[in-house]
């Protein structure tokens, strides 16, 4: 099981979630964050930290954002997005 970053993160990119992740499974894209599905241990520590409620358990992703399951896997495994472990200024505040 894994968690997924969905549409609300796009253009915001708050990083509060990455500092509580015990396995460093978040990856940083240009416009949002992604969770590597094979690295996530389903601890849920990141869920309450997201101020825009963009992180969902894979079984609870709203239908309109189901494509983010595949997108998170693709982006986190592509090598184009680096692992992120430290809090940064969000895009929403820039």
PDB file of N, CA and C in Angstrom:
ATOM      1  N   UNK A   1       0.836  -1.184   0.000  1.00  0.00           N
ATOM      2  CA  UNK A   1       0.000   0.000   0.000  1.00  0.00           C
ATOM      3  C   UNK A   1       0.880   1.246   0.000  1.00  0.00           C
ATOM      4  N   UNK A   2       0.321   2.321  -0.506  1.00  0.00           N
ATOM      5  CA  UNK A   2       1.077   3.561  -0.586  1.00  0.00           C
ATOM      6  C   UNK A   2       0.158   4.767  -0.478  1.00  0.00           C
ATOM      7  N   UNK A   3       0.758   5.898  -0.311  1.00  0.00           N
ATOM      8  CA  UNK A   3       0.038   7.158  -0.353  1.00  0.00           C
ATOM      9  C   UNK A   3       0.395   7.866  -1.658  1.00  0.00           C
ATOM     10  N   UNK A   4      -0.460   8.796  -2.059  1.00  0.00           N
ATOM     11  CA  UNK A   4      -0.339   9.457  -3.348  1.00  0.00           C
ATOM     12  C   UNK A   4      -0.525  10.963  -3.151  1.00  0.00           C
ATOM     13  N   UNK A   5       0.312  11.741  -3.822  1.00  0.00           N
ATOM     14  CA  UNK A   5       0.135  13.192  -3.838  1.00  0.00           C
ATOM     15  C   UNK A   5      -0.729  13.505  -5.061  1.00  0.00           C
ATOM     16  N   UNK A   6      -1.801  14.267  -4.849  1.00  0.00           N
ATOM     17  CA  UNK A   6      -2.766  14.530  -5.926  1.00  0.00           C
ATOM     18  C   UNK A   6      -2.835  16.022  -6.277  1.00  0.00           C
ATOM     19  N   UNK A   7      -3.805  16.362  -7.084  1.00  0.00           N
ATOM     20  CA  UNK A   7      -3.997  17.688  -7.691  1.00  0.00           C
ATOM     21  C   UNK A   7      -3.815  18.887  -6.749  1.00  0.00           C
ATOM     22  N   UNK A   8      -4.303  18.856  -5.503  1.00  0.00           N
ATOM     23  CA  UNK A   8      -4.165  20.060  -4.669  1.00  0.00           C
ATOM     24  C   UNK A   8      -2.720  20.520  -4.464  1.00  0.00           C
ATOM     25  N   UNK A   9      -1.758  19.634  -4.636  1.00  0.00           N
ATOM     26  CA  UNK A   9      -0.344  20.004  -4.480  1.00  0.00           C
ATOM     27  C   UNK A   9       0.180  20.757  -5.696  1.00  0.00           C
ATOM     28  N   UNK A  10      -0.436  20.569  -6.834  1.00  0.00           N
ATOM     29  CA  UNK A  10       0.052  21.161  -8.078  1.00  0.00           C
ATOM     30  C   UNK A  10       0.020  22.692  -7.981  1.00  0.00           C
ATOM     31  N   UNK A  11       1.185  23.298  -8.073  1.00  0.00           N
ATOM     32  CA  UNK A  11       1.292  24.743  -7.981  1.00  0.00           C
ATOM     33  C   UNK A  11       1.469  25.263  -6.568  1.00  0.00           C
ATOM     34  N   UNK A  12       1.328  24.409  -5.595  1.00  0.00           N
ATOM     35  CA  UNK A  12       1.524  24.803  -4.192  1.00  0.00           C
ATOM     36  C   UNK A  12       2.882  24.333  -3.700  1.00  0.00           C
ATOM     37  N   UNK A  13       3.062  23.021  -3.758  1.00  0.00           N
ATOM     38  CA  UNK A  13       4.307  22.350  -3.379  1.00  0.00           C
ATOM     39  C   UNK A  13       4.759  22.709  -1.963  1.00  0.00           C
ATOM     40  N   UNK A  14       3.839  22.585  -1.014  1.00  0.00           N
ATOM     41  CA  UNK A  14       4.237  22.709   0.385  1.00  0.00           C
ATOM     42  C   UNK A  14       5.091  21.493   0.717  1.00  0.00           C
ATOM     43  N   UNK A  15       6.089  21.666   1.549  1.00  0.00           N
ATOM     44  CA  UNK A  15       6.994  20.561   1.855  1.00  0.00           C
ATOM     45  C   UNK A  15       6.958  20.157   3.328  1.00  0.00           C
ATOM     46  N   UNK A  16       5.920  20.530   4.021  1.00  0.00           N
ATOM     47  CA  UNK A  16       5.771  20.154   5.428  1.00  0.00           C
ATOM     48  C   UNK A  16       5.799  18.632   5.588  1.00  0.00           C
ATOM     49  N   UNK A  17       5.278  17.938   4.593  1.00  0.00           N
ATOM     50  CA  UNK A  17       5.157  16.482   4.628  1.00  0.00           C
ATOM     51  C   UNK A  17       6.502  15.764   4.574  1.00  0.00           C
ATOM     52  N   UNK A  18       7.461  16.329   3.867  1.00  0.00           N
ATOM     53  CA  UNK A  18       8.720  15.617   3.656  1.00  0.00           C
ATOM     54  C   UNK A  18       9.555  15.491   4.920  1.00  0.00           C
ATOM     55  N   UNK A  19       9.451  16.443   5.820  1.00  0.00           N
ATOM     56  CA  UNK A  19      10.277  16.409   7.031  1.00  0.00           C
ATOM     57  C   UNK A  19       9.824  15.350   8.032  1.00  0.00           C
ATOM     58  N   UNK A  20       8.590  14.874   7.917  1.00  0.00           N
ATOM     59  CA  UNK A  20       8.103  13.840   8.835  1.00  0.00           C
ATOM     60  C   UNK A  20       8.191  12.437   8.241  1.00  0.00           C
ATOM     61  N   UNK A  21       8.573  12.333   6.986  1.00  0.00           N
ATOM     62  CA  UNK A  21       8.642  11.028   6.323  1.00  0.00           C
ATOM     63  C   UNK A  21       9.861  10.245   6.821  1.00  0.00           C
ATOM     64  N   UNK A  22       9.635   9.076   7.433  1.00  0.00           N
ATOM     65  CA  UNK A  22      10.763   8.314   7.978  1.00  0.00           C
ATOM     66  C   UNK A  22      11.584   7.564   6.922  1.00  0.00           C
ATOM     67  N   UNK A  23      11.077   7.465   5.709  1.00  0.00           N
ATOM     68  CA  UNK A  23      11.783   6.686   4.676  1.00  0.00           C
ATOM     69  C   UNK A  23      12.211   7.518   3.469  1.00  0.00           C
ATOM     70  N   UNK A  24      12.013   8.814   3.516  1.00  0.00           N
ATOM     71  CA  UNK A  24      12.441   9.716   2.448  1.00  0.00           C
ATOM     72  C   UNK A  24      11.929   9.268   1.075  1.00  0.00           C
ATOM     73  N   UNK A  25      10.602   9.123   0.965  1.00  0.00           N
ATOM     74  CA  UNK A  25       9.999   8.644  -0.282  1.00  0.00           C
ATOM     75  C   UNK A  25       9.373   9.754  -1.122  1.00  0.00           C
ATOM     76  N   UNK A  26       9.612  11.020  -0.746  1.00  0.00           N
ATOM     77  CA  UNK A  26       9.083  12.147  -1.521  1.00  0.00           C
ATOM     78  C   UNK A  26      10.099  12.608  -2.557  1.00  0.00           C
ATOM     79  N   UNK A  27       9.574  12.942  -3.728  1.00  0.00           N
ATOM     80  CA  UNK A  27      10.408  13.429  -4.827  1.00  0.00           C
ATOM     81  C   UNK A  27       9.858  14.773  -5.285  1.00  0.00           C
ATOM     82  N   UNK A  28      10.760  15.679  -5.654  1.00  0.00           N
ATOM     83  CA  UNK A  28      10.358  17.046  -5.999  1.00  0.00           C
ATOM     84  C   UNK A  28      10.339  17.260  -7.503  1.00  0.00           C
ATOM     85  N   UNK A  29       9.155  17.600  -8.017  1.00  0.00           N
ATOM     86  CA  UNK A  29       9.010  17.996  -9.406  1.00  0.00           C
ATOM     87  C   UNK A  29       8.963  19.510  -9.500  1.00  0.00           C
ATOM     88  N   UNK A  30       8.808  20.022 -10.697  1.00  0.00           N
ATOM     89  CA  UNK A  30       8.776  21.478 -10.889  1.00  0.00           C
ATOM     90  C   UNK A  30       7.577  22.120 -10.207  1.00  0.00           C
ATOM     91  N   UNK A  31       6.417  21.468 -10.271  1.00  0.00           N
ATOM     92  CA  UNK A  31       5.177  22.065  -9.779  1.00  0.00           C
ATOM     93  C   UNK A  31       4.566  21.377  -8.559  1.00  0.00           C
ATOM     94  N   UNK A  32       5.064  20.167  -8.234  1.00  0.00           N
ATOM     95  CA  UNK A  32       4.475  19.441  -7.106  1.00  0.00           C
ATOM     96  C   UNK A  32       5.431  18.358  -6.613  1.00  0.00           C
ATOM     97  N   UNK A  33       5.025  17.691  -5.551  1.00  0.00           N
ATOM     98  CA  UNK A  33       5.783  16.579  -4.993  1.00  0.00           C
ATOM     99  C   UNK A  33       5.148  15.260  -5.420  1.00  0.00           C
ATOM    100  N   UNK A  34       5.943  14.196  -5.340  1.00  0.00           N
ATOM    101  CA  UNK A  34       5.464  12.857  -5.688  1.00  0.00           C
ATOM    102  C   UNK A  34       5.951  11.886  -4.629  1.00  0.00           C
ATOM    103  N   UNK A  35       5.193  10.813  -4.423  1.00  0.00           N
ATOM    104  CA  UNK A  35       5.574   9.762  -3.488  1.00  0.00           C
ATOM    105  C   UNK A  35       5.925   8.515  -4.291  1.00  0.00           C
ATOM    106  N   UNK A  36       7.091   7.939  -3.986  1.00  0.00           N
ATOM    107  CA  UNK A  36       7.513   6.698  -4.642  1.00  0.00           C
ATOM    108  C   UNK A  36       6.705   5.552  -4.036  1.00  0.00           C
ATOM    109  N   UNK A  37       5.917   4.845  -4.843  1.00  0.00           N
ATOM    110  CA  UNK A  37       5.011   3.824  -4.305  1.00  0.00           C
ATOM    111  C   UNK A  37       5.706   2.627  -3.678  1.00  0.00           C
ATOM    112  N   UNK A  38       6.910   2.322  -4.082  1.00  0.00           N
ATOM    113  CA  UNK A  38       7.617   1.172  -3.512  1.00  0.00           C
ATOM    114  C   UNK A  38       8.431   1.545  -2.284  1.00  0.00           C
ATOM    115  N   UNK A  39       8.626   2.826  -2.055  1.00  0.00           N
ATOM    116  CA  UNK A  39       9.383   3.278  -0.891  1.00  0.00           C
ATOM    117  C   UNK A  39       8.478   3.679   0.273  1.00  0.00           C
ATOM    118  N   UNK A  40       7.259   4.085  -0.030  1.00  0.00           N
ATOM    119  CA  UNK A  40       6.305   4.495   1.005  1.00  0.00           C
ATOM    120  C   UNK A  40       5.953   3.298   1.881  1.00  0.00           C
ATOM    121  N   UNK A  41       6.005   3.489   3.202  1.00  0.00           N
ATOM    122  CA  UNK A  41       5.680   2.401   4.128  1.00  0.00           C
ATOM    123  C   UNK A  41       4.283   2.559   4.729  1.00  0.00           C
ATOM    124  N   UNK A  42       3.508   3.476   4.182  1.00  0.00           N
ATOM    125  CA  UNK A  42       2.112   3.638   4.581  1.00  0.00           C
ATOM    126  C   UNK A  42       1.953   4.025   6.052  1.00  0.00           C
ATOM    127  N   UNK A  43       2.871   4.850   6.550  1.00  0.00           N
ATOM    128  CA  UNK A  43       2.821   5.226   7.965  1.00  0.00           C
ATOM    129  C   UNK A  43       1.824   6.343   8.241  1.00  0.00           C
ATOM    130  N   UNK A  44       1.423   7.075   7.209  1.00  0.00           N
ATOM    131  CA  UNK A  44       0.461   8.169   7.289  1.00  0.00           C
ATOM    132  C   UNK A  44       0.964   9.416   8.009  1.00  0.00           C
ATOM    133  N   UNK A  45       2.238   9.481   8.334  1.00  0.00           N
ATOM    134  CA  UNK A  45       2.772  10.654   9.035  1.00  0.00           C
ATOM    135  C   UNK A  45       2.619  11.929   8.203  1.00  0.00           C
ATOM    136  N   UNK A  46       2.676  11.801   6.897  1.00  0.00           N
ATOM    137  CA  UNK A  46       2.620  12.963   6.007  1.00  0.00           C
ATOM    138  C   UNK A  46       1.215  13.538   5.845  1.00  0.00           C
ATOM    139  N   UNK A  47       0.213  12.716   5.989  1.00  0.00           N
ATOM    140  CA  UNK A  47      -1.164  13.130   5.692  1.00  0.00           C
ATOM    141  C   UNK A  47      -1.606  14.360   6.483  1.00  0.00           C
ATOM    142  N   UNK A  48      -1.483  14.375   7.810  1.00  0.00           N
ATOM    143  CA  UNK A  48      -1.950  15.559   8.546  1.00  0.00           C
ATOM    144  C   UNK A  48      -1.053  16.783   8.370  1.00  0.00           C
ATOM    145  N   UNK A  49       0.143  16.594   7.837  1.00  0.00           N
ATOM    146  CA  UNK A  49       1.071  17.710   7.651  1.00  0.00           C
ATOM    147  C   UNK A  49       0.785  18.533   6.404  1.00  0.00           C
ATOM    148  N   UNK A  50       0.025  17.991   5.466  1.00  0.00           N
ATOM    149  CA  UNK A  50      -0.238  18.678   4.203  1.00  0.00           C
ATOM    150  C   UNK A  50      -1.325  19.736   4.397  1.00  0.00           C
ATOM    151  N   UNK A  51      -0.972  21.024   4.252  1.00  0.00           N
ATOM    152  CA  UNK A  51      -1.954  22.083   4.499  1.00  0.00           C
ATOM    153  C   UNK A  51      -3.046  22.183   3.434  1.00  0.00           C
ATOM    154  N   UNK A  52      -2.845  21.554   2.277  1.00  0.00           N
ATOM    155  CA  UNK A  52      -3.865  21.614   1.221  1.00  0.00           C
ATOM    156  C   UNK A  52      -4.567  20.271   1.027  1.00  0.00           C
ATOM    157  N   UNK A  53      -4.317  19.328   1.929  1.00  0.00           N
ATOM    158  CA  UNK A  53      -4.955  18.006   1.911  1.00  0.00           C
ATOM    159  C   UNK A  53      -4.804  17.325   0.549  1.00  0.00           C
ATOM    160  N   UNK A  54      -3.549  17.238   0.097  1.00  0.00           N
ATOM    161  CA  UNK A  54      -3.258  16.665  -1.216  1.00  0.00           C
ATOM    162  C   UNK A  54      -2.805  15.218  -1.157  1.00  0.00           C
ATOM    163  N   UNK A  55      -2.618  14.655   0.044  1.00  0.00           N
ATOM    164  CA  UNK A  55      -2.082  13.300   0.168  1.00  0.00           C
ATOM    165  C   UNK A  55      -3.201  12.341   0.569  1.00  0.00           C
ATOM    166  N   UNK A  56      -3.323  11.284  -0.231  1.00  0.00           N
ATOM    167  CA  UNK A  56      -4.380  10.289  -0.034  1.00  0.00           C
ATOM    168  C   UNK A  56      -3.795   8.886  -0.008  1.00  0.00           C
ATOM    169  N   UNK A  57      -4.427   8.002   0.746  1.00  0.00           N
ATOM    170  CA  UNK A  57      -4.101   6.585   0.640  1.00  0.00           C
ATOM    171  C   UNK A  57      -4.543   6.151  -0.749  1.00  0.00           C
ATOM    172  N   UNK A  58      -3.812   5.249  -1.384  1.00  0.00           N
ATOM    173  CA  UNK A  58      -4.120   4.865  -2.762  1.00  0.00           C
ATOM    174  C   UNK A  58      -5.547   4.356  -2.941  1.00  0.00           C
ATOM    175  N   UNK A  59      -6.130   3.785  -1.910  1.00  0.00           N
ATOM    176  CA  UNK A  59      -7.508   3.297  -2.001  1.00  0.00           C
ATOM    177  C   UNK A  59      -8.543   4.406  -1.858  1.00  0.00           C
ATOM    178  N   UNK A  60      -8.098   5.593  -1.440  1.00  0.00           N
ATOM    179  CA  UNK A  60      -9.026   6.691  -1.181  1.00  0.00           C
ATOM    180  C   UNK A  60      -8.826   7.909  -2.082  1.00  0.00           C
ATOM    181  N   UNK A  61      -8.052   7.746  -3.140  1.00  0.00           N
ATOM    182  CA  UNK A  61      -7.851   8.862  -4.068  1.00  0.00           C
ATOM    183  C   UNK A  61      -9.180   9.148  -4.769  1.00  0.00           C
ATOM    184  N   UNK A  62      -9.639  10.394  -4.745  1.00  0.00           N
ATOM    185  CA  UNK A  62     -10.897  10.714  -5.440  1.00  0.00           C
ATOM    186  C   UNK A  62     -10.822  10.317  -6.918  1.00  0.00           C
ATOM    187  N   UNK A  63     -11.944   9.902  -7.458  1.00  0.00           N
ATOM    188  CA  UNK A  63     -11.995   9.410  -8.840  1.00  0.00           C
ATOM    189  C   UNK A  63     -11.372  10.375  -9.840  1.00  0.00           C
ATOM    190  N   UNK A  64     -11.609  11.672  -9.668  1.00  0.00           N
ATOM    191  CA  UNK A  64     -11.095  12.641 -10.633  1.00  0.00           C
ATOM    192  C   UNK A  64      -9.570  12.767 -10.591  1.00  0.00           C
ATOM    193  N   UNK A  65      -8.927  12.188  -9.569  1.00  0.00           N
ATOM    194  CA  UNK A  65      -7.472  12.267  -9.439  1.00  0.00           C
ATOM    195  C   UNK A  65      -6.802  10.895  -9.489  1.00  0.00           C
ATOM    196  N   UNK A  66      -7.503   9.873  -9.943  1.00  0.00           N
ATOM    197  CA  UNK A  66      -6.934   8.514 -10.016  1.00  0.00           C
ATOM    198  C   UNK A  66      -5.668   8.474 -10.880  1.00  0.00           C
ATOM    199  N   UNK A  67      -5.574   9.355 -11.866  1.00  0.00           N
ATOM    200  CA  UNK A  67      -4.391   9.371 -12.731  1.00  0.00           C
ATOM    201  C   UNK A  67      -3.115   9.719 -11.953  1.00  0.00           C
ATOM    202  N   UNK A  68      -3.260  10.293 -10.760  1.00  0.00           N
ATOM    203  CA  UNK A  68      -2.093  10.637  -9.952  1.00  0.00           C
ATOM    204  C   UNK A  68      -1.415   9.402  -9.376  1.00  0.00           C
ATOM    205  N   UNK A  69      -2.107   8.279  -9.314  1.00  0.00           N
ATOM    206  CA  UNK A  69      -1.465   7.025  -8.896  1.00  0.00           C
ATOM    207  C   UNK A  69      -0.315   6.711  -9.844  1.00  0.00           C
ATOM    208  N   UNK A  70      -0.589   6.716 -11.127  1.00  0.00           N
ATOM    209  CA  UNK A  70       0.421   6.426 -12.139  1.00  0.00           C
ATOM    210  C   UNK A  70       1.443   7.559 -12.231  1.00  0.00           C
ATOM    211  N   UNK A  71       0.990   8.793 -12.118  1.00  0.00           N
ATOM    212  CA  UNK A  71       1.888   9.936 -12.222  1.00  0.00           C
ATOM    213  C   UNK A  71       2.933   9.930 -11.104  1.00  0.00           C
ATOM    214  N   UNK A  72       2.510   9.640  -9.865  1.00  0.00           N
ATOM    215  CA  UNK A  72       3.458   9.572  -8.753  1.00  0.00           C
ATOM    216  C   UNK A  72       4.517   8.507  -9.017  1.00  0.00           C
ATOM    217  N   UNK A  73       4.088   7.342  -9.492  1.00  0.00           N
ATOM    218  CA  UNK A  73       5.028   6.262  -9.783  1.00  0.00           C
ATOM    219  C   UNK A  73       5.996   6.664 -10.889  1.00  0.00           C
ATOM    220  N   UNK A  74       5.462   7.207 -11.968  1.00  0.00           N
ATOM    221  CA  UNK A  74       6.305   7.606 -13.103  1.00  0.00           C
ATOM    222  C   UNK A  74       7.331   8.657 -12.711  1.00  0.00           C
ATOM    223  N   UNK A  75       6.874   9.699 -12.062  1.00  0.00           N
ATOM    224  CA  UNK A  75       7.767  10.821 -11.730  1.00  0.00           C
ATOM    225  C   UNK A  75       8.816  10.439 -10.680  1.00  0.00           C
ATOM    226  N   UNK A  76       8.418   9.669  -9.677  1.00  0.00           N
ATOM    227  CA  UNK A  76       9.365   9.320  -8.620  1.00  0.00           C
ATOM    228  C   UNK A  76      10.394   8.297  -9.088  1.00  0.00           C
ATOM    229  N   UNK A  77      10.064   7.525 -10.107  1.00  0.00           N
ATOM    230  CA  UNK A  77      10.974   6.498 -10.603  1.00  0.00           C
ATOM    231  C   UNK A  77      11.774   6.953 -11.820  1.00  0.00           C
ATOM    232  N   UNK A  78      11.467   8.125 -12.367  1.00  0.00           N
ATOM    233  CA  UNK A  78      12.069   8.563 -13.623  1.00  0.00           C
ATOM    234  C   UNK A  78      13.531   8.981 -13.508  1.00  0.00           C
ATOM    235  N   UNK A  79      13.952   9.385 -12.340  1.00  0.00           N
ATOM    236  CA  UNK A  79      15.301   9.916 -12.180  1.00  0.00           C
ATOM    237  C   UNK A  79      15.378  11.409 -12.441  1.00  0.00           C
ATOM    238  N   UNK A  80      14.273  11.996 -12.924  1.00  0.00           N
ATOM    239  CA  UNK A  80      14.235  13.434 -13.203  1.00  0.00           C
ATOM    240  C   UNK A  80      13.904  14.260 -11.966  1.00  0.00           C
ATOM    241  N   UNK A  81      13.299  13.635 -10.974  1.00  0.00           N
ATOM    242  CA  UNK A  81      12.883  14.333  -9.764  1.00  0.00           C
ATOM    243  C   UNK A  81      13.748  13.854  -8.598  1.00  0.00           C
ATOM    244  N   UNK A  82      14.453  14.773  -7.941  1.00  0.00           N
ATOM    245  CA  UNK A  82      15.302  14.371  -6.819  1.00  0.00           C
ATOM    246  C   UNK A  82      14.499  14.108  -5.546  1.00  0.00           C
ATOM    247  N   UNK A  83      15.072  13.296  -4.680  1.00  0.00           N
ATOM    248  CA  UNK A  83      14.485  13.075  -3.355  1.00  0.00           C
ATOM    249  C   UNK A  83      14.520  14.408  -2.617  1.00  0.00           C
ATOM    250  N   UNK A  84      13.469  14.685  -1.867  1.00  0.00           N
ATOM    251  CA  UNK A  84      13.422  15.906  -1.056  1.00  0.00           C
ATOM    252  C   UNK A  84      13.188  15.509   0.394  1.00  0.00           C
ATOM    253  N   UNK A  85      14.013  16.040   1.291  1.00  0.00           N
ATOM    254  CA  UNK A  85      13.914  15.691   2.708  1.00  0.00           C
ATOM    255  C   UNK A  85      13.838  16.912   3.618  1.00  0.00           C
ATOM    256  N   UNK A  86      14.028  18.091   3.052  1.00  0.00           N
ATOM    257  CA  UNK A  86      14.014  19.311   3.857  1.00  0.00           C
ATOM    258  C   UNK A  86      12.921  20.255   3.389  1.00  0.00           C
ATOM    259  N   UNK A  87      12.391  20.993   4.346  1.00  0.00           N
ATOM    260  CA  UNK A  87      11.324  21.940   4.040  1.00  0.00           C
ATOM    261  C   UNK A  87      11.873  23.106   3.217  1.00  0.00           C
ATOM    262  N   UNK A  88      11.106  23.509   2.198  1.00  0.00           N
ATOM    263  CA  UNK A  88      11.446  24.635   1.334  1.00  0.00           C
ATOM    264  C   UNK A  88      10.259  25.593   1.281  1.00  0.00           C
ATOM    265  N   UNK A  89      10.507  26.780   0.752  1.00  0.00           N
ATOM    266  CA  UNK A  89       9.417  27.727   0.554  1.00  0.00           C
ATOM    267  C   UNK A  89       8.482  27.178  -0.521  1.00  0.00           C
ATOM    268  N   UNK A  90       7.184  27.112  -0.242  1.00  0.00           N
ATOM    269  CA  UNK A  90       6.240  26.573  -1.228  1.00  0.00           C
ATOM    270  C   UNK A  90       6.040  27.516  -2.410  1.00  0.00           C
ATOM    271  N   UNK A  91       5.658  26.962  -3.537  1.00  0.00           N
ATOM    272  CA  UNK A  91       5.349  27.782  -4.706  1.00  0.00           C
ATOM    273  C   UNK A  91       4.222  28.750  -4.419  1.00  0.00           C
ATOM    274  N   UNK A  92       3.277  28.334  -3.581  1.00  0.00           N
ATOM    275  CA  UNK A  92       2.112  29.162  -3.264  1.00  0.00           C
ATOM    276  C   UNK A  92       2.501  30.477  -2.599  1.00  0.00           C
ATOM    277  N   UNK A  93       3.672  30.506  -1.955  1.00  0.00           N
ATOM    278  CA  UNK A  93       4.108  31.714  -1.252  1.00  0.00           C
ATOM    279  C   UNK A  93       5.132  32.533  -2.030  1.00  0.00           C
ATOM    280  N   UNK A  94       5.479  32.080  -3.227  1.00  0.00           N
ATOM    281  CA  UNK A  94       6.516  32.777  -4.000  1.00  0.00           C
ATOM    282  C   UNK A  94       5.909  33.844  -4.885  1.00  0.00           C
TER     283      UNK A  94
END
